[in-house]
Amino acid sequence: SRRLLQSSMKVVLLLLAIVAQAAALVIPAAGRMPLAPSFAPAAAAVTMKDPVVRVEIEIENGEPLEKALRRFRKATNVSGHIRLLRNKRTFESAHDMKIRKSKESLQRLARARRAQRARQ
């Protein structure tokens, strides 16, 4: 039973490594005190000059793996590097980039207006 659990954990960790690609899943050492979950600079903007984004979460002792995966997925989405990779998959002309940037700007403004209304 214990061997089966260890082998299944190895498979899950291998799958995590494959899914993570440019990100990292940090598992604290057994003797260390568990730290609060930390997300790598999610507020840092992903730019073309710095395409490498490192997303880290720390798994607390006794935390279910599904919960850690959910936090990892959220941190990955917040960092925005997957969207950046999707945008770089095909060539984008200057005109198309201008249109996309203006749409993103309008979305940001609408989100800010909604947040402002929610605060009032």
Foldseek 3Di string as FASTA:
>chain_A
DVVVVVVVVVVVVVVVCVVQPLEDEDEDDPPDAFDQWDFPPLVDAQDPVHLRDYTYTYDHPPRDPVVVVVVSVVSVVSNCSVVVVVVPPDDDDPVNVVVVVVVVVVVVVVVVVVVVVVVD
